[in-house]
């Protein structure tokens, strides 16, 4: 049930991309086979794939901070939906994550899978797994991190953009947990002071912000490196003007990461003062 609701609300978040569509959409007069073949032909050339998705007129750029940014775009035509996240460093395209979605119709699923020609891994429930190009760097901390890297699939995923770019705890009237916050709570048993320090250097700004929030809510667990952690929070949160999309139930708003981090710090100080 919760998975279904999360999919519904995730779709609600990407609706603005669809609403940007123009009547002269490059793909509106092409059939599914032609579009899929165009995408497959561009897989080995990221710039070519980027140019193809730019023609869809559906996408937006978002700063990740520290000279990284992401461009999320969608190609769609009736029952065909293909999304792609392009990732940049100093305006140079360095990576992408391609995410085709199969239609609900079993007949069309079979047809589309034939068009994709075994290019993607497909799960038993006919979900196409994302295709990652040069994505390993987004599992790693920012270059400013000087500690020993702590790596496992769960930590790497949380630090990446694939862990979600919406800040908050729950979404919708059914209070469905937001992915990034939920993934951090799933890591709770692994959250030592050293892990917290590394997560503060995530390339995903929401991962950085949720780590700040978790630290302030549980600071007593990390007393051994309190000064280092709080100095790192100040350094990573005050650099640049990274906009964060915050979600509160059925509402969302944009605010700068440094402002949210400052509010978290002020709440933490007030709570400490009241306890003393």
C-alpha atoms as a PDB file:
ATOM      1  CA  UNK A   1       0.000   0.000   0.000  1.00  0.00           C
ATOM      2  CA  UNK A   2       2.663   2.520   1.017  1.00  0.00           C
ATOM      3  CA  UNK A   3       4.713   1.729  -2.100  1.00  0.00           C
ATOM      4  CA  UNK A   4       1.711   2.501  -4.292  1.00  0.00           C
ATOM      5  CA  UNK A   5       1.084   5.775  -2.500  1.00  0.00           C
ATOM      6  CA  UNK A   6       4.711   6.748  -2.795  1.00  0.00           C
ATOM      7  CA  UNK A   7       4.571   6.167  -6.555  1.00  0.00           C
ATOM      8  CA  UNK A   8       1.435   8.319  -6.761  1.00  0.00           C
ATOM      9  CA  UNK A   9       3.030  11.197  -4.906  1.00  0.00           C
ATOM     10  CA  UNK A  10       6.296  10.812  -6.802  1.00  0.00           C
ATOM     11  CA  UNK A  11       4.275  11.242  -9.994  1.00  0.00           C
ATOM     12  CA  UNK A  12       2.673  14.348  -8.458  1.00  0.00           C
ATOM     13  CA  UNK A  13       6.149  15.821  -8.005  1.00  0.00           C
ATOM     14  CA  UNK A  14       7.115  15.344 -11.655  1.00  0.00           C
ATOM     15  CA  UNK A  15       3.854  16.690 -13.053  1.00  0.00           C
ATOM     16  CA  UNK A  16       5.403  20.156 -13.469  1.00  0.00           C
ATOM     17  CA  UNK A  17       7.773  18.651 -16.012  1.00  0.00           C
ATOM     18  CA  UNK A  18       4.828  17.475 -18.081  1.00  0.00           C
ATOM     19  CA  UNK A  19       3.108  20.837 -17.799  1.00  0.00           C
ATOM     20  CA  UNK A  20       6.072  22.516 -19.499  1.00  0.00           C
ATOM     21  CA  UNK A  21       5.314  20.655 -22.717  1.00  0.00           C
ATOM     22  CA  UNK A  22       4.962  22.727 -25.873  1.00  0.00           C
ATOM     23  CA  UNK A  23       2.633  21.961 -28.764  1.00  0.00           C
ATOM     24  CA  UNK A  24       5.586  21.484 -31.099  1.00  0.00           C
ATOM     25  CA  UNK A  25       7.109  18.718 -28.980  1.00  0.00           C
ATOM     26  CA  UNK A  26       9.782  17.095 -31.151  1.00  0.00           C
ATOM     27  CA  UNK A  27       8.485  13.611 -30.319  1.00  0.00           C
ATOM     28  CA  UNK A  28       4.747  14.178 -30.769  1.00  0.00           C
ATOM     29  CA  UNK A  29       4.753  12.906 -34.360  1.00  0.00           C
ATOM     30  CA  UNK A  30       7.114   9.982 -33.850  1.00  0.00           C
ATOM     31  CA  UNK A  31       6.052   6.451 -32.955  1.00  0.00           C
ATOM     32  CA  UNK A  32       7.289   4.542 -29.897  1.00  0.00           C
ATOM     33  CA  UNK A  33       9.742   2.423 -31.869  1.00  0.00           C
ATOM     34  CA  UNK A  34      11.399   5.466 -33.449  1.00  0.00           C
ATOM     35  CA  UNK A  35      11.756   7.233 -30.111  1.00  0.00           C
ATOM     36  CA  UNK A  36      13.191   4.201 -28.313  1.00  0.00           C
ATOM     37  CA  UNK A  37      15.645   3.560 -31.147  1.00  0.00           C
ATOM     38  CA  UNK A  38      16.771   7.209 -31.002  1.00  0.00           C
ATOM     39  CA  UNK A  39      17.443   6.843 -27.278  1.00  0.00           C
ATOM     40  CA  UNK A  40      19.308   3.540 -27.681  1.00  0.00           C
ATOM     41  CA  UNK A  41      21.465   4.987 -30.473  1.00  0.00           C
ATOM     42  CA  UNK A  42      22.581   7.785 -28.127  1.00  0.00           C
ATOM     43  CA  UNK A  43      23.511   5.727 -25.061  1.00  0.00           C
ATOM     44  CA  UNK A  44      27.255   5.754 -25.696  1.00  0.00           C
ATOM     45  CA  UNK A  45      27.316   9.480 -26.380  1.00  0.00           C
ATOM     46  CA  UNK A  46      26.025  11.453 -23.359  1.00  0.00           C
ATOM     47  CA  UNK A  47      25.963  14.759 -25.275  1.00  0.00           C
ATOM     48  CA  UNK A  48      23.870  13.187 -28.005  1.00  0.00           C
ATOM     49  CA  UNK A  49      21.456  11.772 -25.410  1.00  0.00           C
ATOM     50  CA  UNK A  50      21.291  15.169 -23.713  1.00  0.00           C
ATOM     51  CA  UNK A  51      20.467  16.861 -27.041  1.00  0.00           C
ATOM     52  CA  UNK A  52      17.718  14.333 -27.641  1.00  0.00           C
ATOM     53  CA  UNK A  53      16.076  14.980 -24.270  1.00  0.00           C
ATOM     54  CA  UNK A  54      16.417  18.750 -24.671  1.00  0.00           C
ATOM     55  CA  UNK A  55      14.178  18.439 -27.735  1.00  0.00           C
ATOM     56  CA  UNK A  56      11.356  17.167 -25.515  1.00  0.00           C
ATOM     57  CA  UNK A  57      10.908  20.656 -23.973  1.00  0.00           C
ATOM     58  CA  UNK A  58      10.244  18.938 -20.636  1.00  0.00           C
ATOM     59  CA  UNK A  59      12.861  19.394 -17.951  1.00  0.00           C
ATOM     60  CA  UNK A  60      14.421  21.586 -15.310  1.00  0.00           C
ATOM     61  CA  UNK A  61      17.833  22.260 -13.821  1.00  0.00           C
ATOM     62  CA  UNK A  62      18.592  22.073 -10.115  1.00  0.00           C
ATOM     63  CA  UNK A  63      21.783  23.052  -8.312  1.00  0.00           C
ATOM     64  CA  UNK A  64      23.279  20.407  -6.023  1.00  0.00           C
ATOM     65  CA  UNK A  65      25.861  22.815  -4.643  1.00  0.00           C
ATOM     66  CA  UNK A  66      29.666  22.678  -4.918  1.00  0.00           C
ATOM     67  CA  UNK A  67      29.471  23.244  -8.719  1.00  0.00           C
ATOM     68  CA  UNK A  68      27.270  20.173  -9.314  1.00  0.00           C
ATOM     69  CA  UNK A  69      23.831  20.346 -10.899  1.00  0.00           C
ATOM     70  CA  UNK A  70      21.201  17.985 -12.260  1.00  0.00           C
ATOM     71  CA  UNK A  71      18.887  18.295 -15.260  1.00  0.00           C
ATOM     72  CA  UNK A  72      15.812  16.050 -15.016  1.00  0.00           C
ATOM     73  CA  UNK A  73      13.949  15.513 -18.269  1.00  0.00           C
ATOM     74  CA  UNK A  74      11.144  13.379 -19.671  1.00  0.00           C
ATOM     75  CA  UNK A  75      10.350  12.066 -23.122  1.00  0.00           C
ATOM     76  CA  UNK A  76       6.756  10.941 -23.354  1.00  0.00           C
ATOM     77  CA  UNK A  77       4.220  10.088 -25.985  1.00  0.00           C
ATOM     78  CA  UNK A  78       0.879   8.558 -25.036  1.00  0.00           C
ATOM     79  CA  UNK A  79       1.935   5.263 -23.367  1.00  0.00           C
ATOM     80  CA  UNK A  80       5.693   5.849 -23.643  1.00  0.00           C
ATOM     81  CA  UNK A  81       7.588   7.459 -20.750  1.00  0.00           C
ATOM     82  CA  UNK A  82      11.387   7.729 -20.497  1.00  0.00           C
ATOM     83  CA  UNK A  83      13.025   9.938 -17.872  1.00  0.00           C
ATOM     84  CA  UNK A  84      16.677  10.856 -17.600  1.00  0.00           C
ATOM     85  CA  UNK A  85      18.744  12.699 -15.004  1.00  0.00           C
ATOM     86  CA  UNK A  86      21.809  14.416 -16.457  1.00  0.00           C
ATOM     87  CA  UNK A  87      24.510  15.379 -13.966  1.00  0.00           C
ATOM     88  CA  UNK A  88      27.047  18.152 -14.426  1.00  0.00           C
ATOM     89  CA  UNK A  89      30.202  19.464 -12.800  1.00  0.00           C
ATOM     90  CA  UNK A  90      31.000  23.098 -13.662  1.00  0.00           C
ATOM     91  CA  UNK A  91      28.512  22.873 -16.564  1.00  0.00           C
ATOM     92  CA  UNK A  92      30.267  19.829 -18.058  1.00  0.00           C
ATOM     93  CA  UNK A  93      28.078  16.754 -18.475  1.00  0.00           C
ATOM     94  CA  UNK A  94      29.696  13.914 -16.524  1.00  0.00           C
ATOM     95  CA  UNK A  95      26.964  11.341 -15.898  1.00  0.00           C
ATOM     96  CA  UNK A  96      23.383  10.319 -16.544  1.00  0.00           C
ATOM     97  CA  UNK A  97      20.738   7.968 -15.152  1.00  0.00           C
ATOM     98  CA  UNK A  98      18.218   6.735 -17.721  1.00  0.00           C
ATOM     99  CA  UNK A  99      14.875   5.390 -16.479  1.00  0.00           C
ATOM    100  CA  UNK A 100      12.437   3.957 -19.032  1.00  0.00           C
ATOM    101  CA  UNK A 101       8.978   3.054 -17.729  1.00  0.00           C
ATOM    102  CA  UNK A 102       6.887   0.303 -19.257  1.00  0.00           C
ATOM    103  CA  UNK A 103       3.162   0.877 -19.897  1.00  0.00           C
ATOM    104  CA  UNK A 104       0.556  -0.961 -17.823  1.00  0.00           C
ATOM    105  CA  UNK A 105      -0.766  -2.945 -20.762  1.00  0.00           C
ATOM    106  CA  UNK A 106       0.817  -6.415 -20.955  1.00  0.00           C
ATOM    107  CA  UNK A 107       0.594  -6.289 -24.730  1.00  0.00           C
ATOM    108  CA  UNK A 108       2.415  -2.955 -24.896  1.00  0.00           C
ATOM    109  CA  UNK A 109       4.958  -4.105 -22.327  1.00  0.00           C
ATOM    110  CA  UNK A 110       5.916  -6.990 -24.563  1.00  0.00           C
ATOM    111  CA  UNK A 111       6.075  -4.671 -27.560  1.00  0.00           C
ATOM    112  CA  UNK A 112       8.242  -2.072 -25.814  1.00  0.00           C
ATOM    113  CA  UNK A 113      10.596  -4.691 -24.391  1.00  0.00           C
ATOM    114  CA  UNK A 114      11.161  -5.905 -27.925  1.00  0.00           C
ATOM    115  CA  UNK A 115      12.002  -2.334 -28.964  1.00  0.00           C
ATOM    116  CA  UNK A 116      14.474  -2.004 -26.073  1.00  0.00           C
ATOM    117  CA  UNK A 117      16.219  -5.120 -27.381  1.00  0.00           C
ATOM    118  CA  UNK A 118      17.596  -6.421 -24.047  1.00  0.00           C
ATOM    119  CA  UNK A 119      19.471  -3.178 -23.376  1.00  0.00           C
ATOM    120  CA  UNK A 120      18.107  -2.901 -19.821  1.00  0.00           C
ATOM    121  CA  UNK A 121      17.716  -5.261 -16.904  1.00  0.00           C
ATOM    122  CA  UNK A 122      14.062  -6.073 -16.242  1.00  0.00           C
ATOM    123  CA  UNK A 123      12.643  -7.312 -12.936  1.00  0.00           C
ATOM    124  CA  UNK A 124      10.142 -10.147 -12.563  1.00  0.00           C
ATOM    125  CA  UNK A 125       7.293  -7.644 -12.280  1.00  0.00           C
ATOM    126  CA  UNK A 126       8.359  -6.021 -15.578  1.00  0.00           C
ATOM    127  CA  UNK A 127      10.008  -2.942 -14.125  1.00  0.00           C
ATOM    128  CA  UNK A 128      12.986  -1.676 -16.114  1.00  0.00           C
ATOM    129  CA  UNK A 129      16.030  -0.995 -13.950  1.00  0.00           C
ATOM    130  CA  UNK A 130      17.759   2.371 -14.460  1.00  0.00           C
ATOM    131  CA  UNK A 131      20.821   2.536 -16.670  1.00  0.00           C
ATOM    132  CA  UNK A 132      23.742   4.373 -15.032  1.00  0.00           C
ATOM    133  CA  UNK A 133      26.487   6.060 -17.041  1.00  0.00           C
ATOM    134  CA  UNK A 134      29.682   7.050 -15.180  1.00  0.00           C
ATOM    135  CA  UNK A 135      27.662   7.404 -11.973  1.00  0.00           C
ATOM    136  CA  UNK A 136      30.223   6.035  -9.481  1.00  0.00           C
ATOM    137  CA  UNK A 137      31.402   9.517  -8.505  1.00  0.00           C
ATOM    138  CA  UNK A 138      27.991  10.281  -6.971  1.00  0.00           C
ATOM    139  CA  UNK A 139      28.429   7.458  -4.475  1.00  0.00           C
ATOM    140  CA  UNK A 140      31.571   9.154  -3.187  1.00  0.00           C
ATOM    141  CA  UNK A 141      31.963  12.156  -0.857  1.00  0.00           C
ATOM    142  CA  UNK A 142      32.814  15.609  -2.157  1.00  0.00           C
ATOM    143  CA  UNK A 143      36.524  16.133  -2.837  1.00  0.00           C
ATOM    144  CA  UNK A 144      36.821  18.214   0.348  1.00  0.00           C
ATOM    145  CA  UNK A 145      36.293  15.156   2.538  1.00  0.00           C
ATOM    146  CA  UNK A 146      39.646  14.118   4.035  1.00  0.00           C
ATOM    147  CA  UNK A 147      38.587  11.132   6.141  1.00  0.00           C
ATOM    148  CA  UNK A 148      38.777   7.456   5.266  1.00  0.00           C
ATOM    149  CA  UNK A 149      35.874   6.550   3.007  1.00  0.00           C
ATOM    150  CA  UNK A 150      33.248   4.263   4.561  1.00  0.00           C
ATOM    151  CA  UNK A 151      31.469   2.433   1.764  1.00  0.00           C
ATOM    152  CA  UNK A 152      28.677  -0.107   1.426  1.00  0.00           C
ATOM    153  CA  UNK A 153      25.658  -0.199  -0.913  1.00  0.00           C
ATOM    154  CA  UNK A 154      23.314   1.454   1.616  1.00  0.00           C
ATOM    155  CA  UNK A 155      25.640   4.346   2.480  1.00  0.00           C
ATOM    156  CA  UNK A 156      26.661   4.871  -1.155  1.00  0.00           C
ATOM    157  CA  UNK A 157      23.038   4.981  -2.284  1.00  0.00           C
ATOM    158  CA  UNK A 158      22.035   7.448   0.431  1.00  0.00           C
ATOM    159  CA  UNK A 159      24.842   9.827  -0.575  1.00  0.00           C
ATOM    160  CA  UNK A 160      23.783   9.772  -4.240  1.00  0.00           C
ATOM    161  CA  UNK A 161      21.065  11.736  -6.023  1.00  0.00           C
ATOM    162  CA  UNK A 162      19.124   8.492  -6.431  1.00  0.00           C
ATOM    163  CA  UNK A 163      18.146   8.608  -2.740  1.00  0.00           C
ATOM    164  CA  UNK A 164      15.721  11.457  -3.412  1.00  0.00           C
ATOM    165  CA  UNK A 165      15.896  15.225  -3.787  1.00  0.00           C
ATOM    166  CA  UNK A 166      12.948  16.224  -1.588  1.00  0.00           C
ATOM    167  CA  UNK A 167      13.498  17.313   2.001  1.00  0.00           C
ATOM    168  CA  UNK A 168      10.992  16.381   4.683  1.00  0.00           C
ATOM    169  CA  UNK A 169       9.731  13.371   6.582  1.00  0.00           C
ATOM    170  CA  UNK A 170       6.355  12.460   5.072  1.00  0.00           C
ATOM    171  CA  UNK A 171       4.228  13.389   2.068  1.00  0.00           C
ATOM    172  CA  UNK A 172       0.483  13.442   1.448  1.00  0.00           C
ATOM    173  CA  UNK A 173      -2.573  12.923   3.613  1.00  0.00           C
ATOM    174  CA  UNK A 174      -1.473   9.331   4.266  1.00  0.00           C
ATOM    175  CA  UNK A 175       1.903  10.503   5.638  1.00  0.00           C
ATOM    176  CA  UNK A 176       3.997   8.379   3.288  1.00  0.00           C
ATOM    177  CA  UNK A 177       7.688   8.548   4.353  1.00  0.00           C
ATOM    178  CA  UNK A 178       9.884  10.563   2.005  1.00  0.00           C
ATOM    179  CA  UNK A 179      12.596   8.384   0.521  1.00  0.00           C
ATOM    180  CA  UNK A 180      15.739  10.244   1.588  1.00  0.00           C
ATOM    181  CA  UNK A 181      14.731  10.601   5.241  1.00  0.00           C
ATOM    182  CA  UNK A 182      13.539   6.978   5.375  1.00  0.00           C
ATOM    183  CA  UNK A 183      16.835   5.740   3.925  1.00  0.00           C
ATOM    184  CA  UNK A 184      18.761   7.671   6.568  1.00  0.00           C
ATOM    185  CA  UNK A 185      16.676   6.110   9.341  1.00  0.00           C
ATOM    186  CA  UNK A 186      17.337   2.695   7.796  1.00  0.00           C
ATOM    187  CA  UNK A 187      21.053   3.436   8.263  1.00  0.00           C
ATOM    188  CA  UNK A 188      20.606   4.249  11.957  1.00  0.00           C
ATOM    189  CA  UNK A 189      22.587   1.256  13.238  1.00  0.00           C
ATOM    190  CA  UNK A 190      25.560   2.323  11.100  1.00  0.00           C
ATOM    191  CA  UNK A 191      25.595   6.001  12.071  1.00  0.00           C
ATOM    192  CA  UNK A 192      28.831   6.528  13.951  1.00  0.00           C
ATOM    193  CA  UNK A 193      30.468   9.947  14.224  1.00  0.00           C
ATOM    194  CA  UNK A 194      32.753   9.079  11.304  1.00  0.00           C
ATOM    195  CA  UNK A 195      29.816   8.079   9.116  1.00  0.00           C
ATOM    196  CA  UNK A 196      27.970  11.304   9.994  1.00  0.00           C
ATOM    197  CA  UNK A 197      31.056  13.307   9.011  1.00  0.00           C
ATOM    198  CA  UNK A 198      31.213  11.532   5.661  1.00  0.00           C
ATOM    199  CA  UNK A 199      27.490  11.956   4.951  1.00  0.00           C
ATOM    200  CA  UNK A 200      27.865  15.711   5.461  1.00  0.00           C
ATOM    201  CA  UNK A 201      29.989  15.652   2.290  1.00  0.00           C
ATOM    202  CA  UNK A 202      27.333  13.890   0.168  1.00  0.00           C
ATOM    203  CA  UNK A 203      26.888  15.237  -3.350  1.00  0.00           C
ATOM    204  CA  UNK A 204      23.129  15.088  -2.766  1.00  0.00           C
ATOM    205  CA  UNK A 205      22.218  18.312  -0.875  1.00  0.00           C
ATOM    206  CA  UNK A 206      19.132  16.698   0.695  1.00  0.00           C
ATOM    207  CA  UNK A 207      21.345  13.934   2.099  1.00  0.00           C
ATOM    208  CA  UNK A 208      23.580  16.610   3.596  1.00  0.00           C
ATOM    209  CA  UNK A 209      20.598  18.446   5.066  1.00  0.00           C
ATOM    210  CA  UNK A 210      18.922  15.342   6.498  1.00  0.00           C
ATOM    211  CA  UNK A 211      22.237  14.344   8.077  1.00  0.00           C
ATOM    212  CA  UNK A 212      22.383  17.771   9.743  1.00  0.00           C
ATOM    213  CA  UNK A 213      18.837  17.287  10.992  1.00  0.00           C
ATOM    214  CA  UNK A 214      19.560  13.788  12.298  1.00  0.00           C
ATOM    215  CA  UNK A 215      22.670  15.000  14.096  1.00  0.00           C
ATOM    216  CA  UNK A 216      20.835  17.802  15.893  1.00  0.00           C
ATOM    217  CA  UNK A 217      18.075  15.392  16.927  1.00  0.00           C
ATOM    218  CA  UNK A 218      20.594  12.850  18.265  1.00  0.00           C
ATOM    219  CA  UNK A 219      23.680  14.901  19.127  1.00  0.00           C
ATOM    220  CA  UNK A 220      24.365  12.964  22.332  1.00  0.00           C
ATOM    221  CA  UNK A 221      25.277   9.902  20.228  1.00  0.00           C
ATOM    222  CA  UNK A 222      28.114  11.795  18.566  1.00  0.00           C
ATOM    223  CA  UNK A 223      29.662  13.655  21.507  1.00  0.00           C
ATOM    224  CA  UNK A 224      33.109  12.197  20.757  1.00  0.00           C
ATOM    225  CA  UNK A 225      33.400  14.357  17.617  1.00  0.00           C
ATOM    226  CA  UNK A 226      30.901  17.125  18.362  1.00  0.00           C
ATOM    227  CA  UNK A 227      33.194  20.044  17.501  1.00  0.00           C
ATOM    228  CA  UNK A 228      34.372  18.509  14.233  1.00  0.00           C
ATOM    229  CA  UNK A 229      30.829  17.629  13.168  1.00  0.00           C
ATOM    230  CA  UNK A 230      29.423  21.067  14.004  1.00  0.00           C
ATOM    231  CA  UNK A 231      32.306  22.828  12.258  1.00  0.00           C
ATOM    232  CA  UNK A 232      31.686  20.649   9.201  1.00  0.00           C
ATOM    233  CA  UNK A 233      27.967  21.468   9.300  1.00  0.00           C
ATOM    234  CA  UNK A 234      28.773  25.175   9.307  1.00  0.00           C
ATOM    235  CA  UNK A 235      31.230  24.820   6.444  1.00  0.00           C
ATOM    236  CA  UNK A 236      29.120  22.614   4.139  1.00  0.00           C
ATOM    237  CA  UNK A 237      25.789  24.360   4.763  1.00  0.00           C
ATOM    238  CA  UNK A 238      26.977  27.946   4.313  1.00  0.00           C
ATOM    239  CA  UNK A 239      28.692  27.473   0.947  1.00  0.00           C
ATOM    240  CA  UNK A 240      26.579  28.658  -1.981  1.00  0.00           C
ATOM    241  CA  UNK A 241      22.856  29.208  -2.412  1.00  0.00           C
ATOM    242  CA  UNK A 242      21.501  25.696  -2.937  1.00  0.00           C
ATOM    243  CA  UNK A 243      17.707  25.666  -3.183  1.00  0.00           C
ATOM    244  CA  UNK A 244      15.957  22.777  -1.460  1.00  0.00           C
ATOM    245  CA  UNK A 245      12.446  21.561  -2.282  1.00  0.00           C
ATOM    246  CA  UNK A 246      10.874  20.963   1.134  1.00  0.00           C
ATOM    247  CA  UNK A 247       7.706  18.882   1.502  1.00  0.00           C
ATOM    248  CA  UNK A 248       5.234  19.175   4.375  1.00  0.00           C
ATOM    249  CA  UNK A 249       2.314  16.786   3.943  1.00  0.00           C
ATOM    250  CA  UNK A 250       0.531  17.929   0.781  1.00  0.00           C
ATOM    251  CA  UNK A 251       2.480  21.194   0.525  1.00  0.00           C
ATOM    252  CA  UNK A 252       5.929  22.010  -0.786  1.00  0.00           C
ATOM    253  CA  UNK A 253       8.138  25.083  -0.873  1.00  0.00           C
ATOM    254  CA  UNK A 254      11.628  26.131  -1.897  1.00  0.00           C
ATOM    255  CA  UNK A 255      14.147  27.422   0.606  1.00  0.00           C
ATOM    256  CA  UNK A 256      17.917  27.752   0.729  1.00  0.00           C
ATOM    257  CA  UNK A 257      19.818  24.932   2.394  1.00  0.00           C
ATOM    258  CA  UNK A 258      21.788  27.380   4.554  1.00  0.00           C
ATOM    259  CA  UNK A 259      18.531  28.872   5.916  1.00  0.00           C
ATOM    260  CA  UNK A 260      17.031  25.471   6.786  1.00  0.00           C
ATOM    261  CA  UNK A 261      20.317  24.376   8.376  1.00  0.00           C
ATOM    262  CA  UNK A 262      20.397  27.570  10.449  1.00  0.00           C
ATOM    263  CA  UNK A 263      16.839  26.942  11.648  1.00  0.00           C
ATOM    264  CA  UNK A 264      17.784  23.397  12.659  1.00  0.00           C
ATOM    265  CA  UNK A 265      20.760  24.751  14.588  1.00  0.00           C
ATOM    266  CA  UNK A 266      18.633  27.383  16.358  1.00  0.00           C
ATOM    267  CA  UNK A 267      16.047  24.768  17.377  1.00  0.00           C
ATOM    268  CA  UNK A 268      18.869  22.577  18.683  1.00  0.00           C
ATOM    269  CA  UNK A 269      20.323  25.434  20.747  1.00  0.00           C
ATOM    270  CA  UNK A 270      16.895  26.320  22.181  1.00  0.00           C
ATOM    271  CA  UNK A 271      16.304  22.709  23.177  1.00  0.00           C
ATOM    272  CA  UNK A 272      19.724  22.446  24.832  1.00  0.00           C
ATOM    273  CA  UNK A 273      19.159  25.711  26.699  1.00  0.00           C
ATOM    274  CA  UNK A 274      15.773  24.586  28.007  1.00  0.00           C
ATOM    275  CA  UNK A 275      17.273  21.316  29.267  1.00  0.00           C
ATOM    276  CA  UNK A 276      20.169  23.024  31.110  1.00  0.00           C
END
